[in-house]
Structures are given as structure tokens and as C-alpha cells.
Amino acid sequence: MKKLSYYGKTGRFIERERRKRYRGGRRGLQPGDLVQMDAIVYFLDGIRRYVLVAKDVASRFGFAYEE
């Protein structure tokens, strides 16, 4: 099957080209190539506490550490 377009001004059919779609995303990443990190700070009994959170985008591995 081919895609055809009809142009009313000229009265003829024109074959349309198929466009290649862009597939978004991160391809070719190895585990450990791209890591997202965040830190949360809170106070408990007057002591500053930290929660460090990291996520590996390629392997979807998550890690949280409370200090």
C-alpha cells in the first residue's frame, strides 16, 4: 500500500513519502553512565539529618542512604 494525496488544483494524485519517526529516549547507555541524585535535609531532635537518593537511568536501579 502507498499513501496518496489528491491535489484539487492540479487534479492529480501524488505519492507521499513516509517520514521516519524520531524515537525519543536515551539509547546506548550502559548502567552507571547517567545517574540522577537528590538530597533531602531534615532536623530530628535538633540534629541535622540527610537522605541521599540516587537513581541509575539506564538500569532503573535506585538507592537511598540516610545519614
PDB file of N, CA and C in Angstrom:
ATOM      1  N   MET A   1       0.835  -1.186   0.000  1.00  0.00           N
ATOM      2  CA  MET A   1       0.000   0.000   0.000  1.00  0.00           C
ATOM      3  C   MET A   1       0.877   1.246   0.000  1.00  0.00           C
ATOM      4  N   LYS A   2       0.419   2.242  -0.699  1.00  0.00           N
ATOM      5  CA  LYS A   2       1.120   3.513  -0.743  1.00  0.00           C
ATOM      6  C   LYS A   2       0.158   4.614  -0.338  1.00  0.00           C
ATOM      7  N   LYS A   3       0.699   5.619   0.277  1.00  0.00           N
ATOM      8  CA  LYS A   3      -0.108   6.777   0.658  1.00  0.00           C
ATOM      9  C   LYS A   3      -0.185   7.721  -0.538  1.00  0.00           C
ATOM     10  N   LEU A   4      -1.390   8.096  -0.889  1.00  0.00           N
ATOM     11  CA  LEU A   4      -1.586   9.027  -1.998  1.00  0.00           C
ATOM     12  C   LEU A   4      -2.316  10.262  -1.503  1.00  0.00           C
ATOM     13  N   SER A   5      -1.956  11.394  -2.066  1.00  0.00           N
ATOM     14  CA  SER A   5      -2.642  12.650  -1.787  1.00  0.00           C
ATOM     15  C   SER A   5      -3.220  13.185  -3.086  1.00  0.00           C
ATOM     16  N   TYR A   6      -4.427  13.706  -2.994  1.00  0.00           N
ATOM     17  CA  TYR A   6      -5.077  14.275  -4.172  1.00  0.00           C
ATOM     18  C   TYR A   6      -5.053  15.795  -4.051  1.00  0.00           C
ATOM     19  N   TYR A   7      -4.491  16.443  -5.065  1.00  0.00           N
ATOM     20  CA  TYR A   7      -4.440  17.891  -5.088  1.00  0.00           C
ATOM     21  C   TYR A   7      -5.557  18.407  -5.987  1.00  0.00           C
ATOM     22  N   GLY A   8      -6.465  19.180  -5.405  1.00  0.00           N
ATOM     23  CA  GLY A   8      -7.622  19.665  -6.137  1.00  0.00           C
ATOM     24  C   GLY A   8      -7.283  20.665  -7.227  1.00  0.00           C
ATOM     25  N   LYS A   9      -6.235  21.475  -7.006  1.00  0.00           N
ATOM     26  CA  LYS A   9      -5.889  22.485  -8.006  1.00  0.00           C
ATOM     27  C   LYS A   9      -5.367  21.849  -9.283  1.00  0.00           C
ATOM     28  N   THR A  10      -4.537  20.833  -9.154  1.00  0.00           N
ATOM     29  CA  THR A  10      -3.945  20.210 -10.341  1.00  0.00           C
ATOM     30  C   THR A  10      -4.751  19.012 -10.811  1.00  0.00           C
ATOM     31  N   GLY A  11      -5.535  18.422  -9.927  1.00  0.00           N
ATOM     32  CA  GLY A  11      -6.351  17.276 -10.297  1.00  0.00           C
ATOM     33  C   GLY A  11      -5.556  15.992 -10.452  1.00  0.00           C
ATOM     34  N   ARG A  12      -4.429  15.867  -9.737  1.00  0.00           N
ATOM     35  CA  ARG A  12      -3.652  14.644  -9.867  1.00  0.00           C
ATOM     36  C   ARG A  12      -3.286  14.097  -8.485  1.00  0.00           C
ATOM     37  N   PHE A  13      -2.926  12.844  -8.491  1.00  0.00           N
ATOM     38  CA  PHE A  13      -2.516  12.176  -7.265  1.00  0.00           C
ATOM     39  C   PHE A  13      -0.996  12.222  -7.139  1.00  0.00           C
ATOM     40  N   ILE A  14      -0.534  12.399  -5.928  1.00  0.00           N
ATOM     41  CA  ILE A  14       0.900  12.417  -5.666  1.00  0.00           C
ATOM     42  C   ILE A  14       1.182  11.433  -4.544  1.00  0.00           C
ATOM     43  N   GLU A  15       2.197  10.617  -4.769  1.00  0.00           N
ATOM     44  CA  GLU A  15       2.573   9.638  -3.750  1.00  0.00           C
ATOM     45  C   GLU A  15       3.322  10.356  -2.621  1.00  0.00           C
ATOM     46  N   ARG A  16       2.884  10.087  -1.399  1.00  0.00           N
ATOM     47  CA  ARG A  16       3.510  10.719  -0.242  1.00  0.00           C
ATOM     48  C   ARG A  16       4.628   9.852   0.297  1.00  0.00           C
ATOM     49  N   GLU A  17       5.698  10.494   0.706  1.00  0.00           N
ATOM     50  CA  GLU A  17       6.813   9.770   1.301  1.00  0.00           C
ATOM     51  C   GLU A  17       6.528   9.515   2.766  1.00  0.00           C
ATOM     52  N   ARG A  18       6.967   8.378   3.225  1.00  0.00           N
ATOM     53  CA  ARG A  18       6.825   8.081   4.645  1.00  0.00           C
ATOM     54  C   ARG A  18       7.968   8.721   5.389  1.00  0.00           C
ATOM     55  N   ARG A  19       7.625   9.423   6.450  1.00  0.00           N
ATOM     56  CA  ARG A  19       8.646  10.058   7.264  1.00  0.00           C
ATOM     57  C   ARG A  19       9.079   9.107   8.365  1.00  0.00           C
ATOM     58  N   LYS A  20      10.349   9.127   8.629  1.00  0.00           N
ATOM     59  CA  LYS A  20      10.869   8.295   9.694  1.00  0.00           C
ATOM     60  C   LYS A  20      10.624   9.009  11.013  1.00  0.00           C
ATOM     61  N   ARG A  21       9.999   8.314  11.937  1.00  0.00           N
ATOM     62  CA  ARG A  21       9.684   8.927  13.224  1.00  0.00           C
ATOM     63  C   ARG A  21      10.894   8.929  14.126  1.00  0.00           C
ATOM     64  N   TYR A  22      11.030  10.002  14.867  1.00  0.00           N
ATOM     65  CA  TYR A  22      12.094  10.094  15.858  1.00  0.00           C
ATOM     66  C   TYR A  22      11.638   9.399  17.124  1.00  0.00           C
ATOM     67  N   ARG A  23      12.390   8.455  17.557  1.00  0.00           N
ATOM     68  CA  ARG A  23      12.076   7.773  18.798  1.00  0.00           C
ATOM     69  C   ARG A  23      12.920   8.399  19.888  1.00  0.00           C
ATOM     70  N   GLY A  24      12.255   9.126  20.750  1.00  0.00           N
ATOM     71  CA  GLY A  24      12.968   9.786  21.823  1.00  0.00           C
ATOM     72  C   GLY A  24      13.507   8.785  22.815  1.00  0.00           C
ATOM     73  N   GLY A  25      14.290   9.265  23.702  1.00  0.00           N
ATOM     74  CA  GLY A  25      14.837   8.392  24.723  1.00  0.00           C
ATOM     75  C   GLY A  25      16.341   8.350  24.663  1.00  0.00           C
ATOM     76  N   ARG A  26      16.887   7.666  25.605  1.00  0.00           N
ATOM     77  CA  ARG A  26      18.336   7.574  25.700  1.00  0.00           C
ATOM     78  C   ARG A  26      18.755   6.172  25.283  1.00  0.00           C
ATOM     79  N   ARG A  27      19.320   6.068  24.118  1.00  0.00           N
ATOM     80  CA  ARG A  27      19.735   4.768  23.614  1.00  0.00           C
ATOM     81  C   ARG A  27      21.240   4.612  23.804  1.00  0.00           C
ATOM     82  N   GLY A  28      21.639   3.383  24.012  1.00  0.00           N
ATOM     83  CA  GLY A  28      23.061   3.092  24.095  1.00  0.00           C
ATOM     84  C   GLY A  28      23.705   3.408  25.434  1.00  0.00           C
ATOM     85  N   LEU A  29      22.918   3.634  26.451  1.00  0.00           N
ATOM     86  CA  LEU A  29      23.503   3.917  27.755  1.00  0.00           C
ATOM     87  C   LEU A  29      23.803   2.622  28.490  1.00  0.00           C
ATOM     88  N   GLN A  30      24.936   2.581  29.102  1.00  0.00           N
ATOM     89  CA  GLN A  30      25.320   1.458  29.939  1.00  0.00           C
ATOM     90  C   GLN A  30      24.972   1.804  31.382  1.00  0.00           C
ATOM     91  N   PRO A  31      24.752   0.799  32.233  1.00  0.00           N
ATOM     92  CA  PRO A  31      24.492   1.095  33.647  1.00  0.00           C
ATOM     93  C   PRO A  31      25.641   1.893  34.252  1.00  0.00           C
ATOM     94  N   GLY A  32      25.286   2.974  34.903  1.00  0.00           N
ATOM     95  CA  GLY A  32      26.275   3.853  35.517  1.00  0.00           C
ATOM     96  C   GLY A  32      26.647   5.056  34.677  1.00  0.00           C
ATOM     97  N   ASP A  33      26.196   5.114  33.422  1.00  0.00           N
ATOM     98  CA  ASP A  33      26.520   6.255  32.561  1.00  0.00           C
ATOM     99  C   ASP A  33      25.797   7.526  32.986  1.00  0.00           C
ATOM    100  N   LEU A  34      24.532   7.403  33.372  1.00  0.00           N
ATOM    101  CA  LEU A  34      23.746   8.575  33.727  1.00  0.00           C
ATOM    102  C   LEU A  34      23.033   8.304  35.049  1.00  0.00           C
ATOM    103  N   VAL A  35      23.393   9.076  36.061  1.00  0.00           N
ATOM    104  CA  VAL A  35      22.843   8.888  37.404  1.00  0.00           C
ATOM    105  C   VAL A  35      22.211  10.199  37.847  1.00  0.00           C
ATOM    106  N   GLN A  36      20.982  10.115  38.351  1.00  0.00           N
ATOM    107  CA  GLN A  36      20.299  11.284  38.906  1.00  0.00           C
ATOM    108  C   GLN A  36      20.396  11.199  40.424  1.00  0.00           C
ATOM    109  N   MET A  37      20.698  12.341  41.052  1.00  0.00           N
ATOM    110  CA  MET A  37      20.858  12.345  42.503  1.00  0.00           C
ATOM    111  C   MET A  37      20.054  13.483  43.122  1.00  0.00           C
ATOM    112  N   ASP A  38      19.673  13.284  44.385  1.00  0.00           N
ATOM    113  CA  ASP A  38      18.937  14.292  45.130  1.00  0.00           C
ATOM    114  C   ASP A  38      19.286  14.124  46.604  1.00  0.00           C
ATOM    115  N   ALA A  39      19.152  15.193  47.354  1.00  0.00           N
ATOM    116  CA  ALA A  39      19.412  15.148  48.790  1.00  0.00           C
ATOM    117  C   ALA A  39      18.258  15.817  49.523  1.00  0.00           C
ATOM    118  N   ILE A  40      17.864  15.213  50.630  1.00  0.00           N
ATOM    119  CA  ILE A  40      16.803  15.754  51.467  1.00  0.00           C
ATOM    120  C   ILE A  40      17.406  16.017  52.839  1.00  0.00           C
ATOM    121  N   VAL A  41      17.187  17.209  53.370  1.00  0.00           N
ATOM    122  CA  VAL A  41      17.723  17.581  54.670  1.00  0.00           C
ATOM    123  C   VAL A  41      16.551  17.812  55.607  1.00  0.00           C
ATOM    124  N   TYR A  42      16.610  17.207  56.793  1.00  0.00           N
ATOM    125  CA  TYR A  42      15.585  17.447  57.804  1.00  0.00           C
ATOM    126  C   TYR A  42      16.234  17.435  59.181  1.00  0.00           C
ATOM    127  N   PHE A  43      15.541  18.023  60.147  1.00  0.00           N
ATOM    128  CA  PHE A  43      16.047  18.114  61.504  1.00  0.00           C
ATOM    129  C   PHE A  43      15.232  17.197  62.399  1.00  0.00           C
ATOM    130  N   LEU A  44      15.930  16.394  63.213  1.00  0.00           N
ATOM    131  CA  LEU A  44      15.302  15.475  64.141  1.00  0.00           C
ATOM    132  C   LEU A  44      15.970  15.664  65.498  1.00  0.00           C
ATOM    133  N   ASP A  45      15.218  16.144  66.481  1.00  0.00           N
ATOM    134  CA  ASP A  45      15.732  16.425  67.824  1.00  0.00           C
ATOM    135  C   ASP A  45      16.921  17.379  67.795  1.00  0.00           C
ATOM    136  N   GLY A  46      16.867  18.372  66.918  1.00  0.00           N
ATOM    137  CA  GLY A  46      17.921  19.384  66.842  1.00  0.00           C
ATOM    138  C   GLY A  46      19.160  18.930  66.095  1.00  0.00           C
ATOM    139  N   ILE A  47      19.137  17.752  65.494  1.00  0.00           N
ATOM    140  CA  ILE A  47      20.272  17.228  64.738  1.00  0.00           C
ATOM    141  C   ILE A  47      19.907  17.229  63.254  1.00  0.00           C
ATOM    142  N   ARG A  48      20.810  17.732  62.448  1.00  0.00           N
ATOM    143  CA  ARG A  48      20.577  17.769  61.000  1.00  0.00           C
ATOM    144  C   ARG A  48      20.795  16.366  60.423  1.00  0.00           C
ATOM    145  N   ARG A  49      19.822  15.896  59.667  1.00  0.00           N
ATOM    146  CA  ARG A  49      19.886  14.564  59.059  1.00  0.00           C
ATOM    147  C   ARG A  49      19.782  14.711  57.543  1.00  0.00           C
ATOM    148  N   TYR A  50      20.423  13.800  56.824  1.00  0.00           N
ATOM    149  CA  TYR A  50      20.418  13.819  55.358  1.00  0.00           C
ATOM    150  C   TYR A  50      19.895  12.490  54.824  1.00  0.00           C
ATOM    151  N   VAL A  51      19.147  12.581  53.749  1.00  0.00           N
ATOM    152  CA  VAL A  51      18.752  11.397  52.976  1.00  0.00           C
ATOM    153  C   VAL A  51      19.269  11.626  51.560  1.00  0.00           C
ATOM    154  N   LEU A  52      20.194  10.775  51.130  1.00  0.00           N
ATOM    155  CA  LEU A  52      20.759  10.868  49.785  1.00  0.00           C
ATOM    156  C   LEU A  52      20.088   9.808  48.917  1.00  0.00           C
ATOM    157  N   VAL A  53      19.565  10.225  47.783  1.00  0.00           N
ATOM    158  CA  VAL A  53      18.846   9.331  46.881  1.00  0.00           C
ATOM    159  C   VAL A  53      19.506   9.411  45.506  1.00  0.00           C
ATOM    160  N   ALA A  54      19.776   8.238  44.916  1.00  0.00           N
ATOM    161  CA  ALA A  54      20.366   8.174  43.581  1.00  0.00           C
ATOM    162  C   ALA A  54      19.587   7.163  42.748  1.00  0.00           C
ATOM    163  N   LYS A  55      19.492   7.451  41.433  1.00  0.00           N
ATOM    164  CA  LYS A  55      18.780   6.561  40.515  1.00  0.00           C
ATOM    165  C   LYS A  55      19.579   6.453  39.228  1.00  0.00           C
ATOM    166  N   ASP A  56      19.865   5.217  38.817  1.00  0.00           N
ATOM    167  CA  ASP A  56      20.543   4.978  37.553  1.00  0.00           C
ATOM    168  C   ASP A  56      19.482   4.930  36.453  1.00  0.00           C
ATOM    169  N   VAL A  57      19.618   5.787  35.456  1.00  0.00           N
ATOM    170  CA  VAL A  57      18.597   5.909  34.421  1.00  0.00           C
ATOM    171  C   VAL A  57      18.571   4.674  33.516  1.00  0.00           C
ATOM    172  N   ALA A  58      19.727   4.133  33.179  1.00  0.00           N
ATOM    173  CA  ALA A  58      19.784   3.007  32.249  1.00  0.00           C
ATOM    174  C   ALA A  58      19.209   1.731  32.860  1.00  0.00           C
ATOM    175  N   SER A  59      19.611   1.397  34.084  1.00  0.00           N
ATOM    176  CA  SER A  59      19.171   0.133  34.677  1.00  0.00           C
ATOM    177  C   SER A  59      17.987   0.299  35.613  1.00  0.00           C
ATOM    178  N   ARG A  60      17.571   1.536  35.861  1.00  0.00           N
ATOM    179  CA  ARG A  60      16.460   1.852  36.759  1.00  0.00           C
ATOM    180  C   ARG A  60      16.698   1.353  38.180  1.00  0.00           C
ATOM    181  N   PHE A  61      17.951   1.331  38.579  1.00  0.00           N
ATOM    182  CA  PHE A  61      18.316   0.917  39.922  1.00  0.00           C
ATOM    183  C   PHE A  61      18.283   2.139  40.817  1.00  0.00           C
ATOM    184  N   GLY A  62      17.634   2.008  41.958  1.00  0.00           N
ATOM    185  CA  GLY A  62      17.531   3.116  42.898  1.00  0.00           C
ATOM    186  C   GLY A  62      18.255   2.810  44.195  1.00  0.00           C
ATOM    187  N   PHE A  63      18.756   3.852  44.844  1.00  0.00           N
ATOM    188  CA  PHE A  63      19.499   3.688  46.068  1.00  0.00           C
ATOM    189  C   PHE A  63      19.203   4.882  46.973  1.00  0.00           C
ATOM    190  N   ALA A  64      18.985   4.615  48.253  1.00  0.00           N
ATOM    191  CA  ALA A  64      18.752   5.679  49.237  1.00  0.00           C
ATOM    192  C   ALA A  64      19.618   5.399  50.452  1.00  0.00           C
ATOM    193  N   TYR A  65      20.220   6.458  50.997  1.00  0.00           N
ATOM    194  CA  TYR A  65      21.096   6.336  52.154  1.00  0.00           C
ATOM    195  C   TYR A  65      20.739   7.428  53.137  1.00  0.00           C
ATOM    196  N   GLU A  66      20.499   7.033  54.387  1.00  0.00           N
ATOM    197  CA  GLU A  66      20.170   8.006  55.423  1.00  0.00           C
ATOM    198  C   GLU A  66      21.368   8.137  56.338  1.00  0.00           C
ATOM    199  N   GLU A  67      21.772   9.370  56.554  1.00  0.00           N
ATOM    200  CA  GLU A  67      22.946   9.631  57.369  1.00  0.00           C
ATOM    201  C   GLU A  67      22.562  10.329  58.627  1.00  0.00           C
TER     202      GLU A  67
END
